[in-house]
Amino acid sequence: MAMILDAFVKIFMNTLAGFAAGEISTMLKVKDELQKLQRRLERIRGFLEHAERKRHEDPNISNWGRELKDIMHDADEIIDLCIIEGSKLLESHQSVSVVCHPFPLISCFSCMKFRYEIGDKIRDLNKRLKEIAEDGSVLPKLEYTNQDVQESGVNPRQTFPIEYSSDIVGTQIEEATQSLVDSLVKEDKQKIWILGFVGMGGIGKTTLASNIYNDEKIKENFPIRAWVCVSKNFSETKLLKEIIRSAGGNYGQAETKAELMHYLSSVLSRSFVIVLDDIWEAKLWKDLLRYPLKSAMVGGRIVITTRDINVANNMSALVHHVDKMGSDEGRALLCKKSL
């Protein structure tokens, strides 16, 4: 239960944090409730590891886990709905030239109605999650495991290259995946080149990157694959260690930046693809990764995701803008979520 649920919670928290920081949550005036939801999930996540071990011994713990899973599925659907419908409202706002208010469509009936309804749904989620977080029949029996990864140098909104096959909908993302995969595997004179996915938080950059990372052509053409989620204030040495581990290497007793850069270069002995998810600064490439990757024996591809087009441009990346779903694809996703 918990291992699967814990992965689900981690992925959802990544989506939630990205969405809460975006323009849509501001327009819908749900940022505070979303941040409250995020804080409660962070507290609950520390109990999941022990809950997995105890669930077979105590039916109350087993029921607690199932109830949390139901809440997470509902929360996932609500955030999807926010992204789909909120993107439409934001697009409508951007197409209307009104200078009297930064979000003129807030005053329109349809937007006010949706904002009210979605606010109620999120508040209800928080109420249910609060009950879970304060369940006196379960939590006293569980040990809290500190899962704070702030010191790891890797993003606390950790992402994972999990295959989302059943949740991928619409020809848009399928066509983009195949076209981008073909570009990545195509022989090129450049030893290293960078593909950058750019778009607002929660739009689907990580999902597209994961879909490509798990594509069979990518696996066949790049024996070494690595996936790392980057933080705003990343630790250079810990990030290098994470990439080495993800690539299947071992850095031994190396601790300094110079030592780890050497290890990373030697680990990349075959064609490689490295995904750097959620990059905020181009210096990650310029000051840290460019030298060891270009010094590797063979070439490879770098895939990045970022909200900032300037980051991608400063890394000389080939930019792919990740667009929001069309209405038909949005409905298809919601149908899948309801099944």
Protein backbone atom coordinates (compact mmCIF):
# COMPACT_ATOMS: atom_id res chain seq x y z
CA MET A 1 0.00 0.00 0.00
CA ALA A 2 2.36 2.66 1.29
CA MET A 3 5.18 2.23 -1.21
CA ILE A 4 2.78 2.74 -4.10
CA LEU A 5 0.86 5.43 -2.22
CA ASP A 6 4.07 7.18 -1.21
CA ALA A 7 5.18 7.38 -4.86
CA PHE A 8 1.73 8.68 -5.80
CA VAL A 9 1.90 11.32 -3.05
CA LYS A 10 5.38 12.42 -4.16
CA ILE A 11 4.31 12.81 -7.79
CA PHE A 12 1.12 14.59 -6.81
CA MET A 13 3.01 16.97 -4.52
CA ASN A 14 5.28 17.87 -7.42
CA THR A 15 2.28 18.68 -9.61
CA LEU A 16 0.61 20.52 -6.74
CA ALA A 17 3.65 22.69 -5.97
CA GLY A 18 4.07 23.61 -9.63
CA PHE A 19 0.39 24.45 -10.02
CA ALA A 20 0.22 26.44 -6.76
CA ALA A 21 3.12 28.60 -7.95
CA GLY A 22 1.51 29.25 -11.33
CA GLU A 23 -0.71 31.91 -12.81
CA ILE A 24 -3.89 29.82 -12.83
CA SER A 25 -3.98 29.31 -9.07
CA THR A 26 -3.59 33.07 -8.62
CA MET A 27 -6.45 33.75 -11.01
CA LEU A 28 -8.69 31.21 -9.27
CA LYS A 29 -7.65 32.52 -5.81
CA VAL A 30 -6.90 29.02 -4.48
CA LYS A 31 -3.16 29.42 -3.76
CA ASP A 32 -3.57 29.54 0.04
CA GLU A 33 -5.75 26.43 0.17
CA LEU A 34 -3.37 24.56 -2.15
CA GLN A 35 -0.39 25.44 0.02
CA LYS A 36 -2.30 24.26 3.09
CA LEU A 37 -2.99 20.99 1.25
CA GLN A 38 0.69 20.65 0.44
CA ARG A 39 1.78 21.19 4.07
CA ARG A 40 -0.64 18.54 5.33
CA LEU A 41 0.52 16.04 2.73
CA GLU A 42 4.14 16.65 3.73
CA ARG A 43 3.31 15.86 7.36
CA ILE A 44 1.30 12.73 6.50
CA ARG A 45 3.95 11.34 4.14
CA GLY A 46 6.30 10.75 7.05
CA PHE A 47 3.98 8.05 8.43
CA LEU A 48 3.53 6.05 5.22
CA GLU A 49 6.63 3.86 5.52
CA HIS A 50 5.65 2.56 8.95
CA ALA A 51 2.00 2.27 7.89
CA GLU A 52 3.04 -0.19 5.20
CA ARG A 53 4.69 -2.45 7.74
CA LYS A 54 1.78 -2.30 10.20
CA ARG A 55 -1.22 -2.47 7.87
CA HIS A 56 -1.45 -6.29 7.96
CA GLU A 57 -1.51 -6.26 11.75
CA ASP A 58 -4.09 -3.53 12.30
CA PRO A 59 -7.30 -3.10 10.24
CA ASN A 60 -7.53 0.54 11.38
CA ILE A 61 -4.20 1.31 9.73
CA SER A 62 -5.24 -0.54 6.58
CA ASN A 63 -8.50 1.46 6.41
CA TRP A 64 -6.55 4.67 7.07
CA GLY A 65 -4.34 3.95 4.05
CA ARG A 66 -7.31 3.21 1.80
CA GLU A 67 -9.04 6.42 2.85
CA LEU A 68 -5.90 8.43 2.16
CA LYS A 69 -5.63 6.81 -1.26
CA ASP A 70 -9.24 7.81 -2.05
CA ILE A 71 -8.48 11.40 -1.02
CA MET A 72 -5.37 11.43 -3.23
CA HIS A 73 -7.33 10.24 -6.27
CA ASP A 74 -9.95 12.94 -5.69
CA ALA A 75 -7.22 15.55 -5.24
CA ASP A 76 -5.54 14.45 -8.48
CA GLU A 77 -8.82 14.84 -10.38
CA ILE A 78 -9.44 18.28 -8.89
CA ILE A 79 -5.99 19.58 -9.86
CA ASP A 80 -6.46 18.19 -13.37
CA LEU A 81 -9.79 20.01 -13.56
CA CYS A 82 -8.15 23.24 -12.34
CA ILE A 83 -5.43 22.98 -14.99
CA ILE A 84 -7.82 22.18 -17.84
CA GLU A 85 -10.60 24.65 -17.07
CA GLY A 86 -8.25 27.27 -15.62
CA SER A 87 -6.16 27.22 -18.81
CA LYS A 88 -9.28 27.98 -20.84
CA LEU A 89 -10.17 30.92 -18.59
CA LEU A 90 -6.60 32.22 -18.68
CA GLU A 91 -6.53 31.96 -22.47
CA SER A 92 -9.83 33.85 -22.68
CA HIS A 93 -8.40 36.51 -20.39
CA GLN A 94 -5.30 36.89 -22.55
CA SER A 95 -7.42 37.36 -25.67
CA VAL A 96 -9.44 40.20 -24.14
CA SER A 97 -7.89 43.65 -23.97
CA VAL A 98 -9.16 45.20 -20.74
CA VAL A 99 -6.91 47.43 -18.66
CA CYS A 100 -9.09 48.14 -15.63
CA HIS A 101 -8.20 44.88 -13.84
CA PRO A 102 -5.24 42.46 -14.12
CA PHE A 103 -7.69 39.55 -14.48
CA PRO A 104 -10.80 41.07 -16.11
CA LEU A 105 -12.60 37.76 -16.54
CA ILE A 106 -12.70 37.26 -12.77
CA SER A 107 -15.80 39.43 -12.87
CA CYS A 108 -17.57 37.25 -15.42
CA PHE A 109 -20.20 34.85 -14.16
CA SER A 110 -18.67 31.65 -15.51
CA CYS A 111 -15.28 32.35 -13.95
CA MET A 112 -16.77 33.35 -10.61
CA LYS A 113 -18.93 30.23 -10.60
CA PHE A 114 -15.99 27.93 -11.35
CA ARG A 115 -13.77 29.69 -8.81
CA TYR A 116 -16.43 29.25 -6.13
CA GLU A 117 -17.00 25.57 -6.97
CA ILE A 118 -13.32 24.65 -7.18
CA GLY A 119 -12.58 26.55 -3.96
CA ASP A 120 -15.25 24.48 -2.19
CA LYS A 121 -13.76 21.24 -3.55
CA ILE A 122 -10.26 22.11 -2.36
CA ARG A 123 -11.52 23.21 1.07
CA ASP A 124 -13.35 19.89 1.37
CA LEU A 125 -10.12 18.05 0.48
CA ASN A 126 -8.30 19.94 3.20
CA LYS A 127 -11.01 19.07 5.72
CA ARG A 128 -10.79 15.36 4.85
CA LEU A 129 -7.00 15.45 4.93
CA LYS A 130 -7.05 17.18 8.31
CA GLU A 131 -9.18 14.31 9.69
CA ILE A 132 -6.64 11.80 8.33
CA ALA A 133 -3.73 13.78 9.78
CA GLU A 134 -5.37 13.93 13.23
CA ASP A 135 -6.73 10.38 13.40
CA GLY A 136 -6.17 9.45 17.03
CA SER A 137 -6.88 5.76 16.39
CA VAL A 138 -4.00 5.38 13.93
CA LEU A 139 -1.21 7.98 14.16
CA PRO A 140 -0.17 7.18 17.77
CA LYS A 141 0.61 3.66 16.54
CA LEU A 142 2.87 4.88 13.74
CA GLU A 143 6.45 6.08 13.80
CA TYR A 144 7.32 9.21 11.88
CA THR A 145 10.10 8.82 9.32
CA ASN A 146 11.81 12.07 8.40
CA GLN A 147 11.59 12.21 4.60
CA ASP A 148 12.76 15.80 4.30
CA VAL A 149 15.16 15.91 1.36
CA GLN A 150 15.96 19.62 1.54
CA GLU A 151 19.59 18.84 2.40
CA SER A 152 20.08 16.38 -0.44
CA GLY A 153 20.63 19.02 -3.12
CA VAL A 154 17.78 17.43 -5.07
CA ASN A 155 14.39 19.05 -5.42
CA PRO A 156 12.04 18.50 -2.44
CA ARG A 157 9.33 18.36 -5.10
CA GLN A 158 11.03 15.18 -6.31
CA THR A 159 9.92 13.78 -9.65
CA PHE A 160 10.31 10.27 -11.05
CA PRO A 161 10.39 8.87 -14.60
CA ILE A 162 7.37 6.63 -13.98
CA GLU A 163 5.58 5.31 -17.04
CA TYR A 164 2.18 7.00 -17.29
CA SER A 165 0.90 4.97 -20.26
CA SER A 166 -2.72 4.64 -19.12
CA ASP A 167 -2.96 8.34 -18.33
CA ILE A 168 -1.49 9.64 -21.58
CA VAL A 169 -4.35 10.93 -23.69
CA GLY A 170 -4.75 12.77 -26.96
CA THR A 171 -2.81 12.73 -30.19
CA GLN A 172 -1.01 15.94 -29.22
CA ILE A 173 1.30 14.39 -26.64
CA GLU A 174 1.64 11.13 -28.59
CA GLU A 175 2.72 12.95 -31.73
CA ALA A 176 5.06 15.21 -29.76
CA THR A 177 6.63 12.20 -28.05
CA GLN A 178 7.32 10.32 -31.27
CA SER A 179 8.63 13.38 -33.09
CA LEU A 180 10.95 14.31 -30.22
CA VAL A 181 12.15 10.71 -29.76
CA ASP A 182 13.01 10.54 -33.47
CA SER A 183 14.99 13.77 -33.13
CA LEU A 184 16.88 12.47 -30.11
CA VAL A 185 17.89 9.14 -31.65
CA LYS A 186 18.83 10.61 -35.01
CA GLU A 187 22.56 10.61 -35.69
CA ASP A 188 24.06 14.06 -35.30
CA LYS A 189 27.51 15.57 -35.71
CA GLN A 190 27.16 17.29 -32.36
CA LYS A 191 28.55 15.17 -29.53
CA ILE A 192 26.12 16.71 -27.03
CA TRP A 193 22.96 18.65 -27.61
CA ILE A 194 20.14 19.80 -25.36
CA LEU A 195 16.39 19.55 -25.79
CA GLY A 196 14.40 21.92 -23.58
CA PHE A 197 10.73 21.63 -22.60
CA VAL A 198 9.35 25.03 -21.63
CA GLY A 199 5.96 25.83 -20.11
CA MET A 200 4.18 27.00 -16.99
CA GLY A 201 3.99 24.88 -13.84
CA GLY A 202 1.64 21.90 -14.02
CA ILE A 203 1.29 22.03 -17.81
CA GLY A 204 2.81 18.58 -18.40
CA LYS A 205 6.54 19.09 -19.00
CA THR A 206 7.56 16.33 -16.60
CA THR A 207 4.96 13.93 -18.01
CA LEU A 208 6.25 14.49 -21.55
CA ALA A 209 9.86 14.07 -20.42
CA SER A 210 8.95 10.85 -18.61
CA ASN A 211 7.12 9.52 -21.65
CA ILE A 212 10.20 10.11 -23.79
CA TYR A 213 12.60 8.76 -21.13
CA ASN A 214 10.67 5.46 -21.07
CA ASP A 215 10.27 5.12 -24.84
CA GLU A 216 11.67 1.86 -26.25
CA LYS A 217 13.69 3.67 -28.94
CA ILE A 218 15.38 5.74 -26.26
CA LYS A 219 16.20 2.64 -24.23
CA GLU A 220 17.64 0.92 -27.31
CA ASN A 221 19.76 3.87 -28.44
CA PHE A 222 20.93 5.11 -25.05
CA PRO A 223 22.17 2.30 -22.75
CA ILE A 224 22.81 4.84 -20.01
CA ARG A 225 19.83 6.86 -18.80
CA ALA A 226 19.70 9.19 -15.82
CA TRP A 227 16.89 11.26 -14.32
CA VAL A 228 17.45 14.01 -11.76
CA CYS A 229 15.10 16.66 -10.37
CA VAL A 230 16.95 19.91 -9.67
CA SER A 231 16.25 22.43 -6.90
CA LYS A 232 16.56 26.20 -6.97
CA ASN A 233 19.37 26.11 -4.40
CA PHE A 234 21.00 22.86 -5.43
CA SER A 235 24.21 21.50 -3.96
CA GLU A 236 26.71 20.95 -6.75
CA THR A 237 28.39 17.92 -5.17
CA LYS A 238 25.14 16.22 -4.15
CA LEU A 239 23.64 16.79 -7.58
CA LEU A 240 26.72 15.25 -9.23
CA LYS A 241 26.39 12.25 -6.91
CA GLU A 242 22.72 11.86 -7.82
CA ILE A 243 23.47 11.86 -11.55
CA ILE A 244 26.29 9.32 -11.10
CA ARG A 245 23.99 7.02 -9.09
CA SER A 246 21.14 7.41 -11.55
CA ALA A 247 23.50 6.55 -14.41
CA GLY A 248 24.45 3.32 -12.64
CA GLY A 249 27.84 4.49 -11.43
CA ASN A 250 29.62 4.54 -8.07
CA TYR A 251 31.53 7.58 -6.87
CA GLY A 252 33.22 5.69 -4.02
CA GLN A 253 34.76 8.04 -1.45
CA ALA A 254 34.78 11.06 -3.77
CA GLU A 255 33.47 14.22 -2.11
CA THR A 256 34.93 17.22 -3.93
CA LYS A 257 33.42 18.80 -7.02
CA ALA A 258 36.54 18.05 -9.10
CA GLU A 259 36.57 14.37 -8.08
CA LEU A 260 32.87 13.91 -8.80
CA MET A 261 33.10 15.63 -12.19
CA HIS A 262 35.85 13.16 -13.11
CA TYR A 263 33.74 10.20 -11.94
CA LEU A 264 30.72 11.43 -13.90
CA SER A 265 32.77 11.75 -17.08
CA SER A 266 34.16 8.20 -16.67
CA VAL A 267 30.72 6.70 -15.90
CA LEU A 268 29.38 7.89 -19.26
CA SER A 269 31.19 5.21 -21.27
CA ARG A 270 28.25 4.52 -23.59
CA SER A 271 25.62 6.66 -25.30
CA PHE A 272 23.54 8.43 -22.70
CA VAL A 273 20.46 10.53 -22.15
CA ILE A 274 20.15 12.63 -19.00
CA VAL A 275 16.91 14.31 -17.93
CA LEU A 276 17.30 17.40 -15.72
CA ASP A 277 13.80 18.14 -14.49
CA ASP A 278 12.73 21.56 -13.19
CA ILE A 279 15.81 23.69 -13.90
CA TRP A 280 15.78 27.29 -12.69
CA GLU A 281 19.26 28.52 -13.68
CA ALA A 282 21.45 27.99 -16.73
CA LYS A 283 24.58 27.98 -14.55
CA LEU A 284 23.83 24.33 -13.78
CA TRP A 285 25.02 23.57 -17.30
CA LYS A 286 27.60 26.29 -17.82
CA ASP A 287 29.42 26.00 -14.50
CA LEU A 288 28.89 22.36 -13.54
CA LEU A 289 27.81 19.80 -16.15
CA ARG A 290 29.12 21.08 -19.47
CA TYR A 291 32.75 20.07 -18.91
CA PRO A 292 32.27 16.48 -17.58
CA LEU A 293 29.59 15.64 -20.15
CA LYS A 294 31.56 16.98 -23.09
CA SER A 295 34.63 15.18 -21.78
CA ALA A 296 32.86 11.80 -21.76
CA MET A 297 34.11 9.14 -24.17
CA VAL A 298 30.86 9.10 -26.14
CA GLY A 299 28.10 11.55 -26.94
CA GLY A 300 24.62 11.87 -25.58
CA ARG A 301 21.49 13.95 -25.21
CA ILE A 302 20.35 16.23 -22.41
CA VAL A 303 16.64 16.84 -21.84
CA ILE A 304 15.64 19.69 -19.54
CA THR A 305 12.32 21.03 -18.27
CA THR A 306 11.95 24.63 -17.16
CA ARG A 307 9.36 27.35 -16.78
CA ASP A 308 11.81 30.01 -17.97
CA ILE A 309 12.52 30.31 -21.69
CA ASN A 310 15.69 32.28 -20.87
CA VAL A 311 17.14 29.27 -19.05
CA ALA A 312 16.66 27.07 -22.13
CA ASN A 313 18.06 29.76 -24.46
CA ASN A 314 21.11 30.34 -22.26
CA MET A 315 21.82 26.61 -22.40
CA SER A 316 21.56 26.72 -26.22
CA ALA A 317 18.74 24.20 -26.04
CA LEU A 318 16.43 23.25 -28.86
CA VAL A 319 13.19 24.57 -27.36
CA HIS A 320 9.88 22.70 -27.40
CA HIS A 321 6.99 24.66 -25.92
CA VAL A 322 4.60 22.41 -23.97
CA ASP A 323 1.08 23.59 -24.70
CA LYS A 324 -2.02 23.13 -22.62
CA MET A 325 -4.49 20.41 -23.61
CA GLY A 326 -7.30 21.05 -26.04
CA SER A 327 -10.83 20.73 -24.71
CA ASP A 328 -11.32 17.27 -26.25
CA GLU A 329 -8.10 15.96 -24.66
CA GLY A 330 -9.05 17.54 -21.35
CA ARG A 331 -12.39 15.73 -21.37
CA ALA A 332 -10.63 12.48 -22.32
CA LEU A 333 -8.26 12.82 -19.37
CA LEU A 334 -11.14 13.49 -16.97
CA CYS A 335 -12.97 10.43 -18.31
CA LYS A 336 -9.88 8.29 -17.68
CA LYS A 337 -9.58 9.66 -14.15
CA SER A 338 -13.19 8.80 -13.39
CA LEU A 339 -12.87 5.15 -14.47
